[in-house]
Each structure stands twice: as C-alpha cells, then as structure tokens.
Amino acid sequence: MNWNGLEKHRIDLKLPLLIIRGSHGLLACGYLNVETFNKTGEAAAIVTGVKDFDDMLTAKVVKVSNAAEQAGIEPGMTGAEVIDHIR
C-alpha cells in the first residue's frame, strides 16, 4: 500500500482506535460515530472488526457519512477502495 498523502493514527485502548486520514476524508474503526461526521459535514467511512491498518484495507465499509456518500463512498466497499476517494 502506498501511504503517501495519508495520515495513520492509532490509539491503544482495549481495542485499538484506528484512523486513516486523507485530504478528502477518513476511514475509521467502529469507535467513531457517523452521526458526528454528519453534523460536521465531513466525509467518513467506518469499518469494524479491525485490529490494524492492514485489516482496515480489506474490511468492508459498514457505515458512511452523508458527505462520504456524496463523494462516491458506499457501504460494502473495501477500505482500500475508500483510500482512493479520500487521498
């Protein structure tokens, strides 16, 4: 994976809080809430059951914010597909 143009953030809790951020939005684990991103108008896609960044790339998106949907990101896409939209 080419991580150029992306920020990776990991916070170790009982399960890791994971975020991959690009200039056009982010891919995050289930710790974060899509409704908050809807309030702020930000593009976000949520994947669950992930323990590291590689897991995030193969996981299927379960929820997207309104802005992410408008950017062409849909539930069922892989995290790797989302990266192309948010980079």
Foldseek 3Di string as FASTA:
>chain_A
DDLPQWDWDWDDDVAIWIWIAHQQAIETEPVDDLVVCQVVVGWYFYFYPDRDPVSQQATFTDDIHPNNVVLVDDTRDGSVVSVVSGD
